Amino acid sequence: FLLGATNEVVEAAQYALQQRYPNISFAHHHGYIDLEDETVVKRIELFKPDYIFVGMGFPKQEEWIMTHENQFESTVMMGVGGSLEVFAGAKKRAPYIFRKLNIEWIYRALIDWK
């Protein structure tokens, strides 16, 4: 399950991932939600995901994961920051040297500074 970004971005990310991994079922919801929104939680529960990738940025994605960790005990939840934008093609990955040194997050912090 992909949770985060704008609806347009998360739809494009789902489409790209579905093309790359055709044997895996994906579902999504945009990330502009209240952390306590049970409508989204119920939708995720109905999908019964093995993984929930939360791309809402720090600290919102970590707060959402911590708030709902007991509802998805057998599901792996991971904060993925701006990865949904990368999968959707809306943003490029960091230059190779940042990736090689495992400091892509520094590049993101500099480029996406708000």
Protein backbone atom coordinates (compact mmCIF):
# COMPACT_ATOMS: atom_id res chain seq x y z
CA PHE A 1 0.00 0.00 0.00
CA LEU A 2 1.33 3.43 -0.96
CA LEU A 3 0.36 6.28 1.36
CA GLY A 4 1.60 9.79 0.70
CA ALA A 5 2.25 12.63 -1.72
CA THR A 6 -0.48 14.18 -3.86
CA ASN A 7 -3.11 12.00 -5.47
CA GLU A 8 -1.57 12.59 -8.90
CA VAL A 9 1.91 11.59 -7.70
CA VAL A 10 0.84 8.50 -5.75
CA GLU A 11 -1.29 7.31 -8.71
CA ALA A 12 1.71 7.70 -11.03
CA ALA A 13 3.94 5.90 -8.52
CA GLN A 14 1.46 3.03 -8.28
CA TYR A 15 1.26 2.80 -12.06
CA ALA A 16 5.06 2.74 -12.40
CA LEU A 17 5.46 0.11 -9.70
CA GLN A 18 2.64 -2.00 -11.17
CA GLN A 19 4.41 -1.95 -14.54
CA ARG A 20 7.70 -2.94 -12.93
CA TYR A 21 6.19 -5.61 -10.65
CA PRO A 22 3.10 -6.96 -12.45
CA ASN A 23 2.61 -9.88 -10.03
CA ILE A 24 2.19 -7.60 -7.01
CA SER A 25 -1.09 -5.87 -6.15
CA PHE A 26 -0.83 -2.21 -5.18
CA ALA A 27 -3.30 0.29 -3.77
CA HIS A 28 -2.81 3.89 -2.71
CA HIS A 29 -4.11 6.97 -0.96
CA HIS A 30 -2.74 10.50 -1.02
CA GLY A 31 -0.90 11.78 2.04
CA TYR A 32 -2.96 14.88 2.75
CA ILE A 33 -4.86 13.34 5.64
CA ASP A 34 -5.40 13.90 9.32
CA LEU A 35 -3.21 11.48 11.28
CA GLU A 36 -6.33 10.19 13.05
CA ASP A 37 -8.38 9.67 9.85
CA GLU A 38 -9.92 6.24 10.32
CA THR A 39 -11.40 6.24 6.79
CA VAL A 40 -7.93 5.77 5.33
CA VAL A 41 -7.04 3.17 7.97
CA LYS A 42 -10.16 1.14 7.15
CA ARG A 43 -9.34 1.27 3.44
CA ILE A 44 -5.84 -0.02 4.16
CA GLU A 45 -7.21 -2.75 6.44
CA LEU A 46 -9.57 -3.92 3.67
CA PHE A 47 -6.65 -4.16 1.26
CA LYS A 48 -4.70 -6.34 3.77
CA PRO A 49 -1.24 -5.20 2.66
CA ASP A 50 2.01 -6.94 3.49
CA TYR A 51 3.74 -3.56 3.25
CA ILE A 52 2.69 0.04 3.79
CA PHE A 53 5.06 2.61 2.31
CA VAL A 54 4.37 5.97 3.94
CA GLY A 55 5.71 8.97 2.03
CA MET A 56 4.53 12.02 3.95
CA GLY A 57 7.89 13.43 4.95
CA PHE A 58 9.44 13.74 8.37
CA PRO A 59 7.98 13.77 11.01
CA LYS A 60 4.42 13.17 9.75
CA GLN A 61 5.15 9.74 8.25
CA GLU A 62 6.83 8.54 11.45
CA GLU A 63 3.91 9.85 13.53
CA TRP A 64 1.42 8.03 11.30
CA ILE A 65 3.39 4.79 11.55
CA MET A 66 3.68 5.02 15.34
CA THR A 67 -0.01 5.89 15.71
CA HIS A 68 -1.11 2.86 13.67
CA GLU A 69 1.56 0.25 14.40
CA ASN A 70 -0.78 -1.78 16.63
CA GLN A 71 -3.44 -1.93 13.91
CA PHE A 72 -1.01 -3.43 11.41
CA GLU A 73 1.11 -5.75 13.56
CA SER A 74 1.78 -8.26 10.77
CA THR A 75 2.44 -5.56 8.17
CA VAL A 76 5.81 -3.97 7.49
CA MET A 77 5.46 -0.18 7.57
CA MET A 78 8.24 2.01 6.24
CA GLY A 79 8.69 5.75 5.96
CA VAL A 80 9.90 6.39 2.43
CA GLY A 81 10.02 10.20 2.33
CA GLY A 82 10.14 11.46 -1.25
CA SER A 83 10.46 8.03 -2.85
CA LEU A 84 6.92 8.15 -4.20
CA GLU A 85 7.87 11.26 -6.19
CA VAL A 86 10.92 9.44 -7.54
CA PHE A 87 8.89 6.37 -8.58
CA ALA A 88 6.30 8.66 -10.18
CA GLY A 89 9.00 10.42 -12.18
CA ALA A 90 8.20 13.78 -10.55
CA LYS A 91 11.68 14.04 -8.99
CA LYS A 92 15.06 12.64 -9.91
CA ARG A 93 17.22 10.58 -7.62
CA ALA A 94 20.28 12.10 -6.05
CA PRO A 95 23.53 12.04 -8.03
CA TYR A 96 25.41 8.75 -7.96
CA ILE A 97 28.03 9.88 -5.42
CA PHE A 98 25.32 10.66 -2.83
CA ARG A 99 23.73 7.25 -3.39
CA LYS A 100 27.07 5.45 -3.27
CA LEU A 101 27.92 7.09 0.06
CA ASN A 102 24.42 6.35 1.44
CA ILE A 103 23.75 10.04 2.01
CA GLU A 104 20.94 10.59 -0.47
CA TRP A 105 18.96 12.07 2.41
CA ILE A 106 21.44 14.98 2.59
CA TYR A 107 20.84 15.74 -1.08
CA ARG A 108 17.06 15.61 -0.48
CA ALA A 109 17.38 17.93 2.52
CA LEU A 110 19.32 20.45 0.44
CA ILE A 111 17.15 20.25 -2.68
CA ASP A 112 13.75 20.00 -0.97
CA TRP A 113 14.45 22.56 1.74
CA LYS A 114 11.18 24.19 2.79
